[in-house]
PDB file of N, CA and C in Angstrom:
ATOM      1  N   MET A   1     101.001  94.173  89.162  1.00  0.00           N
ATOM      2  CA  MET A   1     102.293  94.179  88.521  1.00  0.00           C
ATOM      3  C   MET A   1     102.656  95.625  88.205  1.00  0.00           C
ATOM      4  N   ALA A   2     103.965  95.886  88.199  1.00  0.00           N
ATOM      5  CA  ALA A   2     104.448  97.232  87.926  1.00  0.00           C
ATOM      6  C   ALA A   2     104.061  97.661  86.513  1.00  0.00           C
ATOM      7  N   ALA A   3     104.029  98.958  86.310  1.00  0.00           N
ATOM      8  CA  ALA A   3     103.697  99.504  84.996  1.00  0.00           C
ATOM      9  C   ALA A   3     104.758  99.109  83.976  1.00  0.00           C
ATOM     10  N   ALA A   4     104.369  99.090  82.723  1.00  0.00           N
ATOM     11  CA  ALA A   4     105.314  98.752  81.653  1.00  0.00           C
ATOM     12  C   ALA A   4     106.437  99.778  81.629  1.00  0.00           C
ATOM     13  N   PRO A   5     107.684  99.301  81.474  1.00  0.00           N
ATOM     14  CA  PRO A   5     108.815 100.233  81.514  1.00  0.00           C
ATOM     15  C   PRO A   5     108.905 101.084  80.255  1.00  0.00           C
ATOM     16  N   THR A   6     109.481 102.248  80.427  1.00  0.00           N
ATOM     17  CA  THR A   6     109.808 103.095  79.293  1.00  0.00           C
ATOM     18  C   THR A   6     111.320 103.178  79.222  1.00  0.00           C
ATOM     19  N   GLY A   7     111.860 103.705  78.150  1.00  0.00           N
ATOM     20  CA  GLY A   7     113.302 103.779  77.977  1.00  0.00           C
ATOM     21  C   GLY A   7     113.978 104.417  79.172  1.00  0.00           C
ATOM     22  N   GLY A   8     115.020 103.756  79.663  1.00  0.00           N
ATOM     23  CA  GLY A   8     115.786 104.293  80.775  1.00  0.00           C
ATOM     24  C   GLY A   8     115.195 104.000  82.141  1.00  0.00           C
ATOM     25  N   THR A   9     114.147 103.208  82.213  1.00  0.00           N
ATOM     26  CA  THR A   9     113.499 102.912  83.484  1.00  0.00           C
ATOM     27  C   THR A   9     113.748 101.458  83.858  1.00  0.00           C
ATOM     28  N   ALA A  10     114.189 101.225  85.072  1.00  0.00           N
ATOM     29  CA  ALA A  10     114.354  99.868  85.588  1.00  0.00           C
ATOM     30  C   ALA A  10     113.207  99.588  86.544  1.00  0.00           C
ATOM     31  N   ILE A  11     112.554  98.448  86.374  1.00  0.00           N
ATOM     32  CA  ILE A  11     111.429  98.080  87.222  1.00  0.00           C
ATOM     33  C   ILE A  11     111.695  96.704  87.817  1.00  0.00           C
ATOM     34  N   PRO A  12     111.772  96.597  89.141  1.00  0.00           N
ATOM     35  CA  PRO A  12     111.970  95.282  89.754  1.00  0.00           C
ATOM     36  C   PRO A  12     110.717  94.429  89.561  1.00  0.00           C
ATOM     37  N   LEU A  13     110.924  93.170  89.209  1.00  0.00           N
ATOM     38  CA  LEU A  13     109.805  92.283  88.911  1.00  0.00           C
ATOM     39  C   LEU A  13     109.478  91.335  90.048  1.00  0.00           C
ATOM     40  N   VAL A  14     110.494  90.821  90.702  1.00  0.00           N
ATOM     41  CA  VAL A  14     110.284  89.846  91.768  1.00  0.00           C
ATOM     42  C   VAL A  14     111.513  89.850  92.677  1.00  0.00           C
ATOM     43  N   MET A  15     111.274  89.638  93.957  1.00  0.00           N
ATOM     44  CA  MET A  15     112.361  89.564  94.929  1.00  0.00           C
ATOM     45  C   MET A  15     112.631  88.094  95.235  1.00  0.00           C
ATOM     46  N   LEU A  16     113.874  87.708  95.232  1.00  0.00           N
ATOM     47  CA  LEU A  16     114.245  86.348  95.610  1.00  0.00           C
ATOM     48  C   LEU A  16     114.455  86.311  97.117  1.00  0.00           C
ATOM     49  N   THR A  17     113.379  86.657  97.830  1.00  0.00           N
ATOM     50  CA  THR A  17     113.392  86.705  99.283  1.00  0.00           C
ATOM     51  C   THR A  17     112.138  86.010  99.801  1.00  0.00           C
ATOM     52  N   ALA A  18     112.188  85.627 101.065  1.00  0.00           N
ATOM     53  CA  ALA A  18     111.038  84.960 101.670  1.00  0.00           C
ATOM     54  C   ALA A  18     109.911  85.946 101.974  1.00  0.00           C
ATOM     55  N   GLU A  19     110.263  87.196 102.286  1.00  0.00           N
ATOM     56  CA  GLU A  19     109.275  88.212 102.628  1.00  0.00           C
ATOM     57  C   GLU A  19     109.571  89.492 101.851  1.00  0.00           C
ATOM     58  N   ARG A  20     108.550  90.298 101.663  1.00  0.00           N
ATOM     59  CA  ARG A  20     108.750  91.593 101.011  1.00  0.00           C
ATOM     60  C   ARG A  20     109.621  92.482 101.900  1.00  0.00           C
ATOM     61  N   LEU A  21     110.341  93.399 101.259  1.00  0.00           N
ATOM     62  CA  LEU A  21     111.168  94.339 101.994  1.00  0.00           C
ATOM     63  C   LEU A  21     110.310  95.478 102.538  1.00  0.00           C
ATOM     64  N   ASP A  22     110.740  96.080 103.646  1.00  0.00           N
ATOM     65  CA  ASP A  22     110.032  97.211 104.235  1.00  0.00           C
ATOM     66  C   ASP A  22     110.342  98.523 103.528  1.00  0.00           C
ATOM     67  N   ASP A  23     111.431  98.574 102.799  1.00  0.00           N
ATOM     68  CA  ASP A  23     111.863  99.787 102.113  1.00  0.00           C
ATOM     69  C   ASP A  23     110.739 100.287 101.209  1.00  0.00           C
ATOM     70  N   PRO A  24     110.386 101.578 101.288  1.00  0.00           N
ATOM     71  CA  PRO A  24     109.288 102.109 100.476  1.00  0.00           C
ATOM     72  C   PRO A  24     109.460 101.893  98.978  1.00  0.00           C
ATOM     73  N   ASP A  25     110.690 101.899  98.497  1.00  0.00           N
ATOM     74  CA  ASP A  25     110.928 101.712  97.066  1.00  0.00           C
ATOM     75  C   ASP A  25     110.775 100.259  96.625  1.00  0.00           C
ATOM     76  N   TRP A  26     110.744  99.329  97.573  1.00  0.00           N
ATOM     77  CA  TRP A  26     110.715  97.908  97.230  1.00  0.00           C
ATOM     78  C   TRP A  26     109.511  97.169  97.802  1.00  0.00           C
ATOM     79  N   LYS A  27     108.700  97.819  98.629  1.00  0.00           N
ATOM     80  CA  LYS A  27     107.636  97.106  99.337  1.00  0.00           C
ATOM     81  C   LYS A  27     106.558  96.528  98.424  1.00  0.00           C
ATOM     82  N   GLU A  28     106.413  97.058  97.203  1.00  0.00           N
ATOM     83  CA  GLU A  28     105.400  96.544  96.280  1.00  0.00           C
ATOM     84  C   GLU A  28     105.932  95.423  95.374  1.00  0.00           C
ATOM     85  N   VAL A  29     107.217  95.101  95.492  1.00  0.00           N
ATOM     86  CA  VAL A  29     107.809  94.048  94.661  1.00  0.00           C
ATOM     87  C   VAL A  29     107.509  92.695  95.296  1.00  0.00           C
ATOM     88  N   ARG A  30     106.888  91.818  94.508  1.00  0.00           N
ATOM     89  CA  ARG A  30     106.449  90.523  95.011  1.00  0.00           C
ATOM     90  C   ARG A  30     107.619  89.583  95.276  1.00  0.00           C
ATOM     91  N   THR A  31     107.377  88.628  96.180  1.00  0.00           N
ATOM     92  CA  THR A  31     108.369  87.595  96.467  1.00  0.00           C
ATOM     93  C   THR A  31     108.186  86.441  95.489  1.00  0.00           C
ATOM     94  N   VAL A  32     109.165  85.534  95.464  1.00  0.00           N
ATOM     95  CA  VAL A  32     109.071  84.404  94.543  1.00  0.00           C
ATOM     96  C   VAL A  32     107.816  83.573  94.796  1.00  0.00           C
ATOM     97  N   SER A  33     107.466  83.368  96.055  1.00  0.00           N
ATOM     98  CA  SER A  33     106.263  82.570  96.326  1.00  0.00           C
ATOM     99  C   SER A  33     104.997  83.296  95.895  1.00  0.00           C
ATOM    100  N   GLU A  34     104.979  84.614  95.975  1.00  0.00           N
ATOM    101  CA  GLU A  34     103.807  85.376  95.554  1.00  0.00           C
ATOM    102  C   GLU A  34     103.557  85.295  94.052  1.00  0.00           C
ATOM    103  N   VAL A  35     104.592  85.058  93.279  1.00  0.00           N
ATOM    104  CA  VAL A  35     104.394  84.933  91.838  1.00  0.00           C
ATOM    105  C   VAL A  35     104.278  83.482  91.407  1.00  0.00           C
ATOM    106  N   GLY A  36     104.255  82.578  92.383  1.00  0.00           N
ATOM    107  CA  GLY A  36     103.993  81.175  92.069  1.00  0.00           C
ATOM    108  C   GLY A  36     105.204  80.322  91.765  1.00  0.00           C
ATOM    109  N   LEU A  37     106.400  80.811  92.063  1.00  0.00           N
ATOM    110  CA  LEU A  37     107.592  80.008  91.831  1.00  0.00           C
ATOM    111  C   LEU A  37     107.931  79.181  93.067  1.00  0.00           C
ATOM    112  N   ASP A  38     108.321  77.951  92.837  1.00  0.00           N
ATOM    113  CA  ASP A  38     108.783  77.084  93.909  1.00  0.00           C
ATOM    114  C   ASP A  38     110.292  77.247  93.990  1.00  0.00           C
ATOM    115  N   TYR A  39     110.748  78.080  94.897  1.00  0.00           N
ATOM    116  CA  TYR A  39     112.160  78.448  94.960  1.00  0.00           C
ATOM    117  C   TYR A  39     112.577  78.542  96.411  1.00  0.00           C
ATOM    118  N   GLU A  40     113.585  77.784  96.778  1.00  0.00           N
ATOM    119  CA  GLU A  40     114.119  77.859  98.130  1.00  0.00           C
ATOM    120  C   GLU A  40     115.030  79.081  98.209  1.00  0.00           C
ATOM    121  N   VAL A  41     114.951  79.842  99.274  1.00  0.00           N
ATOM    122  CA  VAL A  41     115.614  81.135  99.327  1.00  0.00           C
ATOM    123  C   VAL A  41     116.871  81.179 100.216  1.00  0.00           C
ATOM    124  N   PRO A  42     117.601  80.122 100.419  1.00  0.00           N
ATOM    125  CA  PRO A  42     118.771  80.276 101.279  1.00  0.00           C
ATOM    126  C   PRO A  42     119.917  81.023 100.593  1.00  0.00           C
ATOM    127  N   TYR A  43     119.918  81.053  99.276  1.00  0.00           N
ATOM    128  CA  TYR A  43     120.989  81.706  98.529  1.00  0.00           C
ATOM    129  C   TYR A  43     120.428  82.110  97.171  1.00  0.00           C
ATOM    130  N   HIS A  44     120.803  83.237  96.677  1.00  0.00           N
ATOM    131  CA  HIS A  44     120.321  83.665  95.370  1.00  0.00           C
ATOM    132  C   HIS A  44     121.319  84.610  94.724  1.00  0.00           C
ATOM    133  N   TRP A  45     121.144  84.818  93.439  1.00  0.00           N
ATOM    134  CA  TRP A  45     121.967  85.799  92.749  1.00  0.00           C
ATOM    135  C   TRP A  45     121.108  86.994  92.420  1.00  0.00           C
ATOM    136  N   GLN A  46     121.770  88.120  92.275  1.00  0.00           N
ATOM    137  CA  GLN A  46     121.093  89.359  91.916  1.00  0.00           C
ATOM    138  C   GLN A  46     121.755  89.905  90.665  1.00  0.00           C
ATOM    139  N   GLY A  47     120.999  90.568  89.861  1.00  0.00           N
ATOM    140  CA  GLY A  47     121.585  91.141  88.665  1.00  0.00           C
ATOM    141  C   GLY A  47     120.566  91.920  87.877  1.00  0.00           C
ATOM    142  N   LEU A  48     120.964  92.298  86.685  1.00  0.00           N
ATOM    143  CA  LEU A  48     120.104  93.028  85.778  1.00  0.00           C
ATOM    144  C   LEU A  48     119.888  92.196  84.524  1.00  0.00           C
ATOM    145  N   ALA A  49     118.699  92.258  83.991  1.00  0.00           N
ATOM    146  CA  ALA A  49     118.412  91.642  82.698  1.00  0.00           C
ATOM    147  C   ALA A  49     118.159  92.781  81.724  1.00  0.00           C
ATOM    148  N   VAL A  50     118.746  92.666  80.556  1.00  0.00           N
ATOM    149  CA  VAL A  50     118.570  93.700  79.537  1.00  0.00           C
ATOM    150  C   VAL A  50     118.101  93.057  78.248  1.00  0.00           C
ATOM    151  N   LYS A  51     117.551  93.865  77.390  1.00  0.00           N
ATOM    152  CA  LYS A  51     117.047  93.395  76.108  1.00  0.00           C
ATOM    153  C   LYS A  51     118.193  92.864  75.248  1.00  0.00           C
ATOM    154  N   LYS A  52     117.947  91.758  74.569  1.00  0.00           N
ATOM    155  CA  LYS A  52     118.934  91.194  73.663  1.00  0.00           C
ATOM    156  C   LYS A  52     119.343  92.260  72.655  1.00  0.00           C
ATOM    157  N   GLY A  53     120.639  92.343  72.406  1.00  0.00           N
ATOM    158  CA  GLY A  53     121.142  93.333  71.460  1.00  0.00           C
ATOM    159  C   GLY A  53     121.485  94.676  72.084  1.00  0.00           C
ATOM    160  N   THR A  54     121.371  94.771  73.422  1.00  0.00           N
ATOM    161  CA  THR A  54     121.748  96.023  74.077  1.00  0.00           C
ATOM    162  C   THR A  54     123.206  96.326  73.736  1.00  0.00           C
ATOM    163  N   PRO A  55     123.504  97.541  73.270  1.00  0.00           N
ATOM    164  CA  PRO A  55     124.873  97.868  72.842  1.00  0.00           C
ATOM    165  C   PRO A  55     125.895  97.730  73.973  1.00  0.00           C
ATOM    166  N   ASP A  56     127.103  97.333  73.614  1.00  0.00           N
ATOM    167  CA  ASP A  56     128.168  97.155  74.597  1.00  0.00           C
ATOM    168  C   ASP A  56     128.411  98.399  75.448  1.00  0.00           C
ATOM    169  N   PRO A  57     128.400  99.620  74.881  1.00  0.00           N
ATOM    170  CA  PRO A  57     128.615 100.793  75.742  1.00  0.00           C
ATOM    171  C   PRO A  57     127.554 100.926  76.851  1.00  0.00           C
ATOM    172  N   VAL A  58     126.318 100.540  76.555  1.00  0.00           N
ATOM    173  CA  VAL A  58     125.258 100.569  77.570  1.00  0.00           C
ATOM    174  C   VAL A  58     125.529  99.495  78.614  1.00  0.00           C
ATOM    175  N   MET A  59     125.898  98.298  78.160  1.00  0.00           N
ATOM    176  CA  MET A  59     126.236  97.215  79.088  1.00  0.00           C
ATOM    177  C   MET A  59     127.389  97.629  79.998  1.00  0.00           C
ATOM    178  N   ASP A  60     128.423  98.246  79.410  1.00  0.00           N
ATOM    179  CA  ASP A  60     129.581  98.688  80.191  1.00  0.00           C
ATOM    180  C   ASP A  60     129.168  99.692  81.265  1.00  0.00           C
ATOM    181  N   LYS A  61     128.264 100.604  80.900  1.00  0.00           N
ATOM    182  CA  LYS A  61     127.794 101.609  81.857  1.00  0.00           C
ATOM    183  C   LYS A  61     127.021 100.959  83.003  1.00  0.00           C
ATOM    184  N   LEU A  62     126.189  99.954  82.703  1.00  0.00           N
ATOM    185  CA  LEU A  62     125.445  99.242  83.742  1.00  0.00           C
ATOM    186  C   LEU A  62     126.383  98.483  84.672  1.00  0.00           C
ATOM    187  N   ILE A  63     127.384  97.823  84.098  1.00  0.00           N
ATOM    188  CA  ILE A  63     128.348  97.077  84.917  1.00  0.00           C
ATOM    189  C   ILE A  63     129.104  98.024  85.839  1.00  0.00           C
ATOM    190  N   LEU A  64     129.526  99.166  85.323  1.00  0.00           N
ATOM    191  CA  LEU A  64     130.217 100.149  86.146  1.00  0.00           C
ATOM    192  C   LEU A  64     129.311 100.628  87.287  1.00  0.00           C
ATOM    193  N   ALA A  65     128.036 100.857  86.990  1.00  0.00           N
ATOM    194  CA  ALA A  65     127.094 101.303  88.029  1.00  0.00           C
ATOM    195  C   ALA A  65     126.949 100.245  89.121  1.00  0.00           C
ATOM    196  N   LEU A  66     126.898  98.961  88.725  1.00  0.00           N
ATOM    197  CA  LEU A  66     126.807  97.893  89.727  1.00  0.00           C
ATOM    198  C   LEU A  66     128.062  97.843  90.585  1.00  0.00           C
ATOM    199  N   HIS A  67     129.210  97.919  89.956  1.00  0.00           N
ATOM    200  CA  HIS A  67     130.459  97.902  90.725  1.00  0.00           C
ATOM    201  C   HIS A  67     130.521  99.089  91.687  1.00  0.00           C
ATOM    202  N   ASN A  68     130.058 100.245  91.244  1.00  0.00           N
ATOM    203  CA  ASN A  68     130.023 101.412  92.125  1.00  0.00           C
ATOM    204  C   ASN A  68     129.073 101.195  93.294  1.00  0.00           C
ATOM    205  N   MET A  69     127.956 100.503  93.051  1.00  0.00           N
ATOM    206  CA  MET A  69     127.004 100.235  94.120  1.00  0.00           C
ATOM    207  C   MET A  69     127.642  99.364  95.205  1.00  0.00           C
ATOM    208  N   TYR A  70     128.460  98.403  94.792  1.00  0.00           N
ATOM    209  CA  TYR A  70     129.089  97.503  95.762  1.00  0.00           C
ATOM    210  C   TYR A  70     129.951  98.256  96.769  1.00  0.00           C
ATOM    211  N   GLU A  71     130.399  99.448  96.400  1.00  0.00           N
ATOM    212  CA  GLU A  71     131.265 100.246  97.270  1.00  0.00           C
ATOM    213  C   GLU A  71     130.484 101.190  98.195  1.00  0.00           C
ATOM    214  N   ARG A  72     129.188 101.284  97.999  1.00  0.00           N
ATOM    215  CA  ARG A  72     128.384 102.219  98.802  1.00  0.00           C
ATOM    216  C   ARG A  72     128.114 101.645 100.180  1.00  0.00           C
ATOM    217  N   ASP A  73     128.023 102.525 101.157  1.00  0.00           N
ATOM    218  CA  ASP A  73     127.845 102.106 102.544  1.00  0.00           C
ATOM    219  C   ASP A  73     126.587 101.267 102.743  1.00  0.00           C
ATOM    220  N   PHE A  74     125.471 101.647 102.087  1.00  0.00           N
ATOM    221  CA  PHE A  74     124.229 100.902 102.283  1.00  0.00           C
ATOM    222  C   PHE A  74     124.380  99.464 101.812  1.00  0.00           C
ATOM    223  N   PHE A  75     125.155  99.237 100.753  1.00  0.00           N
ATOM    224  CA  PHE A  75     125.320  97.877 100.249  1.00  0.00           C
ATOM    225  C   PHE A  75     126.255  97.083 101.161  1.00  0.00           C
ATOM    226  N   LYS A  76     127.292  97.731 101.659  1.00  0.00           N
ATOM    227  CA  LYS A  76     128.185  97.061 102.611  1.00  0.00           C
ATOM    228  C   LYS A  76     127.409  96.650 103.867  1.00  0.00           C
ATOM    229  N   GLU A  77     126.504  97.518 104.317  1.00  0.00           N
ATOM    230  CA  GLU A  77     125.663  97.194 105.471  1.00  0.00           C
ATOM    231  C   GLU A  77     124.723  96.032 105.143  1.00  0.00           C
ATOM    232  N   TYR A  78     124.154  96.042 103.952  1.00  0.00           N
ATOM    233  CA  TYR A  78     123.294  94.952 103.482  1.00  0.00           C
ATOM    234  C   TYR A  78     124.048  93.623 103.524  1.00  0.00           C
ATOM    235  N   LEU A  79     125.274  93.623 103.039  1.00  0.00           N
ATOM    236  CA  LEU A  79     126.076  92.395 103.067  1.00  0.00           C
ATOM    237  C   LEU A  79     126.376  91.957 104.492  1.00  0.00           C
ATOM    238  N   ALA A  80     126.719  92.919 105.339  1.00  0.00           N
ATOM    239  CA  ALA A  80     127.080  92.598 106.718  1.00  0.00           C
ATOM    240  C   ALA A  80     125.900  92.047 107.505  1.00  0.00           C
ATOM    241  N   ASN A  81     124.688  92.520 107.213  1.00  0.00           N
ATOM    242  CA  ASN A  81     123.502  92.117 107.975  1.00  0.00           C
ATOM    243  C   ASN A  81     122.737  90.967 107.347  1.00  0.00           C
ATOM    244  N   GLY A  82     123.114  90.556 106.159  1.00  0.00           N
ATOM    245  CA  GLY A  82     122.392  89.501 105.468  1.00  0.00           C
ATOM    246  C   GLY A  82     122.639  88.136 106.100  1.00  0.00           C
ATOM    247  N   THR A  83     121.647  87.297 106.007  1.00  0.00           N
ATOM    248  CA  THR A  83     121.778  85.960 106.591  1.00  0.00           C
ATOM    249  C   THR A  83     122.245  84.934 105.571  1.00  0.00           C
ATOM    250  N   HIS A  84     122.197  85.251 104.307  1.00  0.00           N
ATOM    251  CA  HIS A  84     122.567  84.276 103.277  1.00  0.00           C
ATOM    252  C   HIS A  84     123.240  84.949 102.081  1.00  0.00           C
ATOM    253  N   ILE A  85     123.950  86.008 102.349  1.00  0.00           N
ATOM    254  CA  ILE A  85     124.503  86.803 101.258  1.00  0.00           C
ATOM    255  C   ILE A  85     126.002  86.553 101.138  1.00  0.00           C
ATOM    256  N   GLN A  86     126.403  86.201  99.941  1.00  0.00           N
ATOM    257  CA  GLN A  86     127.816  85.999  99.640  1.00  0.00           C
ATOM    258  C   GLN A  86     128.121  86.778  98.370  1.00  0.00           C
ATOM    259  N   LEU A  87     128.987  87.771  98.485  1.00  0.00           N
ATOM    260  CA  LEU A  87     129.310  88.593  97.328  1.00  0.00           C
ATOM    261  C   LEU A  87     130.216  87.808  96.386  1.00  0.00           C
ATOM    262  N   ASP A  88     129.742  87.605  95.189  1.00  0.00           N
ATOM    263  CA  ASP A  88     130.486  86.879  94.148  1.00  0.00           C
ATOM    264  C   ASP A  88     130.210  87.607  92.846  1.00  0.00           C
ATOM    265  N   ILE A  89     130.992  88.638  92.578  1.00  0.00           N
ATOM    266  CA  ILE A  89     130.750  89.506  91.426  1.00  0.00           C
ATOM    267  C   ILE A  89     131.172  88.800  90.142  1.00  0.00           C
ATOM    268  N   ARG A  90     130.241  88.695  89.204  1.00  0.00           N
ATOM    269  CA  ARG A  90     130.538  88.136  87.889  1.00  0.00           C
ATOM    270  C   ARG A  90     129.989  89.087  86.841  1.00  0.00           C
ATOM    271  N   ASP A  91     130.876  89.556  85.996  1.00  0.00           N
ATOM    272  CA  ASP A  91     130.418  90.410  84.900  1.00  0.00           C
ATOM    273  C   ASP A  91     130.937  89.901  83.561  1.00  0.00           C
ATOM    274  N   ASP A  92     131.329  88.639  83.524  1.00  0.00           N
ATOM    275  CA  ASP A  92     131.750  87.988  82.277  1.00  0.00           C
ATOM    276  C   ASP A  92     130.484  87.622  81.505  1.00  0.00           C
ATOM    277  N   ARG A  93     130.193  88.348  80.446  1.00  0.00           N
ATOM    278  CA  ARG A  93     128.935  88.168  79.713  1.00  0.00           C
ATOM    279  C   ARG A  93     128.787  86.777  79.132  1.00  0.00           C
ATOM    280  N   ASP A  94     129.872  86.160  78.670  1.00  0.00           N
ATOM    281  CA  ASP A  94     129.777  84.797  78.130  1.00  0.00           C
ATOM    282  C   ASP A  94     129.364  83.816  79.214  1.00  0.00           C
ATOM    283  N   TRP A  95     129.990  83.908  80.391  1.00  0.00           N
ATOM    284  CA  TRP A  95     129.642  83.007  81.502  1.00  0.00           C
ATOM    285  C   TRP A  95     128.182  83.216  81.907  1.00  0.00           C
ATOM    286  N   ILE A  96     127.786  84.470  82.039  1.00  0.00           N
ATOM    287  CA  ILE A  96     126.412  84.781  82.459  1.00  0.00           C
ATOM    288  C   ILE A  96     125.406  84.225  81.455  1.00  0.00           C
ATOM    289  N   ASN A  97     125.651  84.429  80.163  1.00  0.00           N
ATOM    290  CA  ASN A  97     124.726  83.924  79.144  1.00  0.00           C
ATOM    291  C   ASN A  97     124.615  82.409  79.193  1.00  0.00           C
ATOM    292  N   GLU A  98     125.728  81.708  79.362  1.00  0.00           N
ATOM    293  CA  GLU A  98     125.698  80.239  79.454  1.00  0.00           C
ATOM    294  C   GLU A  98     124.941  79.798  80.698  1.00  0.00           C
ATOM    295  N   ASP A  99     125.178  80.479  81.818  1.00  0.00           N
ATOM    296  CA  ASP A  99     124.489  80.117  83.052  1.00  0.00           C
ATOM    297  C   ASP A  99     122.990  80.356  82.930  1.00  0.00           C
ATOM    298  N   MET A 100     122.599  81.451  82.287  1.00  0.00           N
ATOM    299  CA  MET A 100     121.181  81.762  82.130  1.00  0.00           C
ATOM    300  C   MET A 100     120.467  80.746  81.244  1.00  0.00           C
ATOM    301  N   LYS A 101     121.174  80.186  80.264  1.00  0.00           N
ATOM    302  CA  LYS A 101     120.565  79.203  79.367  1.00  0.00           C
ATOM    303  C   LYS A 101     120.061  77.981  80.131  1.00  0.00           C
ATOM    304  N   LYS A 102     120.685  77.667  81.270  1.00  0.00           N
ATOM    305  CA  LYS A 102     120.294  76.496  82.056  1.00  0.00           C
ATOM    306  C   LYS A 102     118.826  76.568  82.494  1.00  0.00           C
ATOM    307  N   ASN A 103     118.345  77.772  82.756  1.00  0.00           N
ATOM    308  CA  ASN A 103     116.984  77.954  83.266  1.00  0.00           C
ATOM    309  C   ASN A 103     116.092  78.697  82.290  1.00  0.00           C
ATOM    310  N   GLN A 104     116.501  78.796  81.048  1.00  0.00           N
ATOM    311  CA  GLN A 104     115.780  79.608  80.078  1.00  0.00           C
ATOM    312  C   GLN A 104     114.321  79.183  79.919  1.00  0.00           C
ATOM    313  N   ALA A 105     114.066  77.887  79.814  1.00  0.00           N
ATOM    314  CA  ALA A 105     112.685  77.424  79.618  1.00  0.00           C
ATOM    315  C   ALA A 105     111.810  77.778  80.817  1.00  0.00           C
ATOM    316  N   ALA A 106     112.321  77.580  82.028  1.00  0.00           N
ATOM    317  CA  ALA A 106     111.547  77.878  83.238  1.00  0.00           C
ATOM    318  C   ALA A 106     111.302  79.376  83.374  1.00  0.00           C
ATOM    319  N   VAL A 107     112.301  80.181  83.058  1.00  0.00           N
ATOM    320  CA  VAL A 107     112.151  81.634  83.142  1.00  0.00           C
ATOM    321  C   VAL A 107     111.137  82.124  82.110  1.00  0.00           C
ATOM    322  N   LYS A 108     111.180  81.571  80.902  1.00  0.00           N
ATOM    323  CA  LYS A 108     110.222  81.976  79.874  1.00  0.00           C
ATOM    324  C   LYS A 108     108.798  81.645  80.323  1.00  0.00           C
ATOM    325  N   GLU A 109     108.607  80.464  80.880  1.00  0.00           N
ATOM    326  CA  GLU A 109     107.275  80.083  81.373  1.00  0.00           C
ATOM    327  C   GLU A 109     106.805  81.052  82.455  1.00  0.00           C
ATOM    328  N   PHE A 110     107.708  81.425  83.386  1.00  0.00           N
ATOM    329  CA  PHE A 110     107.390  82.389  84.442  1.00  0.00           C
ATOM    330  C   PHE A 110     106.964  83.720  83.827  1.00  0.00           C
ATOM    331  N   MET A 111     107.714  84.167  82.818  1.00  0.00           N
ATOM    332  CA  MET A 111     107.422  85.454  82.206  1.00  0.00           C
ATOM    333  C   MET A 111     106.083  85.442  81.463  1.00  0.00           C
ATOM    334  N   ILE A 112     105.753  84.341  80.835  1.00  0.00           N
ATOM    335  CA  ILE A 112     104.455  84.219  80.150  1.00  0.00           C
ATOM    336  C   ILE A 112     103.336  84.200  81.183  1.00  0.00           C
ATOM    337  N   GLU A 113     103.482  83.377  82.212  1.00  0.00           N
ATOM    338  CA  GLU A 113     102.434  83.262  83.243  1.00  0.00           C
ATOM    339  C   GLU A 113     102.191  84.592  83.959  1.00  0.00           C
ATOM    340  N   ASN A 114     103.207  85.406  84.073  1.00  0.00           N
ATOM    341  CA  ASN A 114     103.075  86.687  84.768  1.00  0.00           C
ATOM    342  C   ASN A 114     102.893  87.865  83.814  1.00  0.00           C
ATOM    343  N   LYS A 115     102.529  87.521  82.558  1.00  0.00           N
ATOM    344  CA  LYS A 115     102.168  88.502  81.533  1.00  0.00           C
ATOM    345  C   LYS A 115     103.274  89.526  81.273  1.00  0.00           C
ATOM    346  N   MET A 116     104.522  89.059  81.370  1.00  0.00           N
ATOM    347  CA  MET A 116     105.659  89.917  81.073  1.00  0.00           C
ATOM    348  C   MET A 116     106.013  89.820  79.585  1.00  0.00           C
ATOM    349  N   ILE A 117     105.737  88.672  78.975  1.00  0.00           N
ATOM    350  CA  ILE A 117     105.925  88.482  77.537  1.00  0.00           C
ATOM    351  C   ILE A 117     104.741  87.697  77.002  1.00  0.00           C
ATOM    352  N   GLU A 118     104.548  87.766  75.704  1.00  0.00           N
ATOM    353  CA  GLU A 118     103.485  87.002  75.051  1.00  0.00           C
ATOM    354  C   GLU A 118     103.943  85.566  74.854  1.00  0.00           C
ATOM    355  N   PRO A 119     103.020  84.604  74.803  1.00  0.00           N
ATOM    356  CA  PRO A 119     103.386  83.191  74.646  1.00  0.00           C
ATOM    357  C   PRO A 119     104.244  82.889  73.429  1.00  0.00           C
ATOM    358  N   ASP A 120     104.131  83.647  72.362  1.00  0.00           N
ATOM    359  CA  ASP A 120     104.898  83.349  71.156  1.00  0.00           C
ATOM    360  C   ASP A 120     106.230  84.090  71.108  1.00  0.00           C
ATOM    361  N   ALA A 121     106.582  84.786  72.187  1.00  0.00           N
ATOM    362  CA  ALA A 121     107.838  85.570  72.208  1.00  0.00           C
ATOM    363  C   ALA A 121     109.057  84.667  72.311  1.00  0.00           C
TER     364      ALA A 121
END
């Protein structure tokens, strides 16, 4: 597993892909099956998870960075070459929080099993 993050560091935890990526920056990130999740990979969402209570200005900066990424050539190529990729940008925090609640128990169990959080967290 990746090293514990420090302030300002983003660490990918798992790829919602069938196989690991060849990219040197991503080749050590495990797939869903490698971490023991039973997940069909024909379609998935991508995003960032942040600590509860992250200030709105920080959230705004992250959202702007994601929107800027969508305009970069490498991401446009990724979309064009993907076999199951559909761009559906959602940055409505209320909608995202409600959607995340649907799988909260399963995600918490995953995080405990993979030593990302303590059982009493």
